[in-house]
């Protein structure tokens, strides 16, 4: 289920036309949540829209609140590409 939600994250990023690059202001020790959010900085509303979409998808899947957030918070892959790969994207 986690991989399905991660794949949905990647799809939403593409659909929203967000250019995800390795240029992230997050520290290399940051969690994947930090790295991914940092990579979207400067694009007003995108992080909020993605958060709403994933929390809704998690709820619809019958998973507890924060299920997806925990995976990204515990993963420390160092770059956007590595985080997306580690999270199943």
C-alpha atoms as a PDB file:
ATOM      1  CA  UNK A   1       0.000   0.000   0.000  1.00  0.00           C
ATOM      2  CA  UNK A   2       2.851   2.385   0.825  1.00  0.00           C
ATOM      3  CA  UNK A   3       4.343   1.872  -2.627  1.00  0.00           C
ATOM      4  CA  UNK A   4       0.989   2.665  -4.227  1.00  0.00           C
ATOM      5  CA  UNK A   5       0.773   5.937  -2.304  1.00  0.00           C
ATOM      6  CA  UNK A   6       4.361   6.785  -3.226  1.00  0.00           C
ATOM      7  CA  UNK A   7       3.620   6.100  -6.880  1.00  0.00           C
ATOM      8  CA  UNK A   8       0.618   8.401  -6.561  1.00  0.00           C
ATOM      9  CA  UNK A   9       2.923  11.102  -5.168  1.00  0.00           C
ATOM     10  CA  UNK A  10       5.147  10.875  -8.206  1.00  0.00           C
ATOM     11  CA  UNK A  11       2.120  10.978 -10.517  1.00  0.00           C
ATOM     12  CA  UNK A  12       0.729  14.066  -8.784  1.00  0.00           C
ATOM     13  CA  UNK A  13       4.069  15.839  -9.021  1.00  0.00           C
ATOM     14  CA  UNK A  14       4.150  15.155 -12.765  1.00  0.00           C
ATOM     15  CA  UNK A  15       0.496  16.118 -13.272  1.00  0.00           C
ATOM     16  CA  UNK A  16       0.978  19.384 -11.441  1.00  0.00           C
ATOM     17  CA  UNK A  17       3.907  20.137 -13.721  1.00  0.00           C
ATOM     18  CA  UNK A  18       6.366  20.425 -10.884  1.00  0.00           C
ATOM     19  CA  UNK A  19       9.964  20.148 -11.950  1.00  0.00           C
ATOM     20  CA  UNK A  20      11.530  17.975  -9.289  1.00  0.00           C
ATOM     21  CA  UNK A  21      15.271  18.317  -9.347  1.00  0.00           C
ATOM     22  CA  UNK A  22      18.145  17.431  -7.117  1.00  0.00           C
ATOM     23  CA  UNK A  23      18.571  21.117  -6.308  1.00  0.00           C
ATOM     24  CA  UNK A  24      17.248  21.016  -2.789  1.00  0.00           C
ATOM     25  CA  UNK A  25      18.014  23.346   0.070  1.00  0.00           C
ATOM     26  CA  UNK A  26      17.561  20.509   2.565  1.00  0.00           C
ATOM     27  CA  UNK A  27      20.585  19.314   4.462  1.00  0.00           C
ATOM     28  CA  UNK A  28      21.974  15.981   3.201  1.00  0.00           C
ATOM     29  CA  UNK A  29      20.987  14.399   6.542  1.00  0.00           C
ATOM     30  CA  UNK A  30      17.346  15.477   6.172  1.00  0.00           C
ATOM     31  CA  UNK A  31      14.542  12.950   5.992  1.00  0.00           C
ATOM     32  CA  UNK A  32      12.978  12.294   2.612  1.00  0.00           C
ATOM     33  CA  UNK A  33       9.993  14.365   3.755  1.00  0.00           C
ATOM     34  CA  UNK A  34      12.352  17.321   4.227  1.00  0.00           C
ATOM     35  CA  UNK A  35      14.184  16.736   0.961  1.00  0.00           C
ATOM     36  CA  UNK A  36      10.978  16.449  -1.090  1.00  0.00           C
ATOM     37  CA  UNK A  37       9.289  19.455   0.525  1.00  0.00           C
ATOM     38  CA  UNK A  38      12.454  21.505   0.129  1.00  0.00           C
ATOM     39  CA  UNK A  39      12.625  20.625  -3.574  1.00  0.00           C
ATOM     40  CA  UNK A  40       9.182  22.199  -4.019  1.00  0.00           C
ATOM     41  CA  UNK A  41      10.012  25.426  -2.174  1.00  0.00           C
ATOM     42  CA  UNK A  42       9.210  28.553  -4.107  1.00  0.00           C
ATOM     43  CA  UNK A  43       6.131  27.043  -5.741  1.00  0.00           C
ATOM     44  CA  UNK A  44       3.244  28.454  -3.699  1.00  0.00           C
ATOM     45  CA  UNK A  45       0.526  25.996  -2.766  1.00  0.00           C
ATOM     46  CA  UNK A  46       2.121  22.889  -4.276  1.00  0.00           C
ATOM     47  CA  UNK A  47       3.170  21.303  -0.964  1.00  0.00           C
ATOM     48  CA  UNK A  48      -0.243  22.006   0.579  1.00  0.00           C
ATOM     49  CA  UNK A  49      -2.040  20.532  -2.440  1.00  0.00           C
ATOM     50  CA  UNK A  50       0.130  17.400  -2.408  1.00  0.00           C
ATOM     51  CA  UNK A  51      -0.320  16.993   1.350  1.00  0.00           C
ATOM     52  CA  UNK A  52      -4.109  17.241   1.026  1.00  0.00           C
ATOM     53  CA  UNK A  53      -4.155  14.759  -1.851  1.00  0.00           C
ATOM     54  CA  UNK A  54      -2.035  12.204  -0.033  1.00  0.00           C
ATOM     55  CA  UNK A  55      -3.848  12.499   3.243  1.00  0.00           C
ATOM     56  CA  UNK A  56      -7.109  11.982   1.352  1.00  0.00           C
ATOM     57  CA  UNK A  57      -5.671   8.984  -0.543  1.00  0.00           C
ATOM     58  CA  UNK A  58      -4.418   7.506   2.728  1.00  0.00           C
ATOM     59  CA  UNK A  59      -7.849   7.983   4.311  1.00  0.00           C
ATOM     60  CA  UNK A  60      -9.622   6.427   1.313  1.00  0.00           C
ATOM     61  CA  UNK A  61      -7.243   3.443   1.484  1.00  0.00           C
ATOM     62  CA  UNK A  62      -8.330   2.891   5.089  1.00  0.00           C
ATOM     63  CA  UNK A  63      -4.875   3.598   6.486  1.00  0.00           C
ATOM     64  CA  UNK A  64      -4.316   5.527   9.698  1.00  0.00           C
ATOM     65  CA  UNK A  65      -3.520   9.272   9.539  1.00  0.00           C
ATOM     66  CA  UNK A  66       0.185   9.874   9.061  1.00  0.00           C
ATOM     67  CA  UNK A  67       0.864   6.427   7.551  1.00  0.00           C
ATOM     68  CA  UNK A  68       2.627   7.883   4.515  1.00  0.00           C
ATOM     69  CA  UNK A  69       4.355  10.604   6.532  1.00  0.00           C
ATOM     70  CA  UNK A  70       6.097   8.035   8.746  1.00  0.00           C
ATOM     71  CA  UNK A  71       7.789   6.286   5.806  1.00  0.00           C
ATOM     72  CA  UNK A  72       9.225   9.537   4.469  1.00  0.00           C
ATOM     73  CA  UNK A  73      10.271  10.712   7.909  1.00  0.00           C
ATOM     74  CA  UNK A  74      12.248   7.547   8.575  1.00  0.00           C
ATOM     75  CA  UNK A  75      13.981   7.420   5.191  1.00  0.00           C
ATOM     76  CA  UNK A  76      17.196   9.450   4.748  1.00  0.00           C
ATOM     77  CA  UNK A  77      18.340   8.904   1.162  1.00  0.00           C
ATOM     78  CA  UNK A  78      19.921  12.301   0.556  1.00  0.00           C
ATOM     79  CA  UNK A  79      18.455  13.440  -2.774  1.00  0.00           C
ATOM     80  CA  UNK A  80      15.075  13.810  -4.450  1.00  0.00           C
ATOM     81  CA  UNK A  81      15.783  10.997  -6.903  1.00  0.00           C
ATOM     82  CA  UNK A  82      17.085   8.652  -4.184  1.00  0.00           C
ATOM     83  CA  UNK A  83      14.121   9.421  -1.917  1.00  0.00           C
ATOM     84  CA  UNK A  84      11.573   8.783  -4.669  1.00  0.00           C
ATOM     85  CA  UNK A  85      13.324   5.494  -5.496  1.00  0.00           C
ATOM     86  CA  UNK A  86      13.508   4.453  -1.830  1.00  0.00           C
ATOM     87  CA  UNK A  87       9.832   5.273  -1.296  1.00  0.00           C
ATOM     88  CA  UNK A  88       8.790   3.279  -4.340  1.00  0.00           C
ATOM     89  CA  UNK A  89       8.316   6.120  -6.814  1.00  0.00           C
END
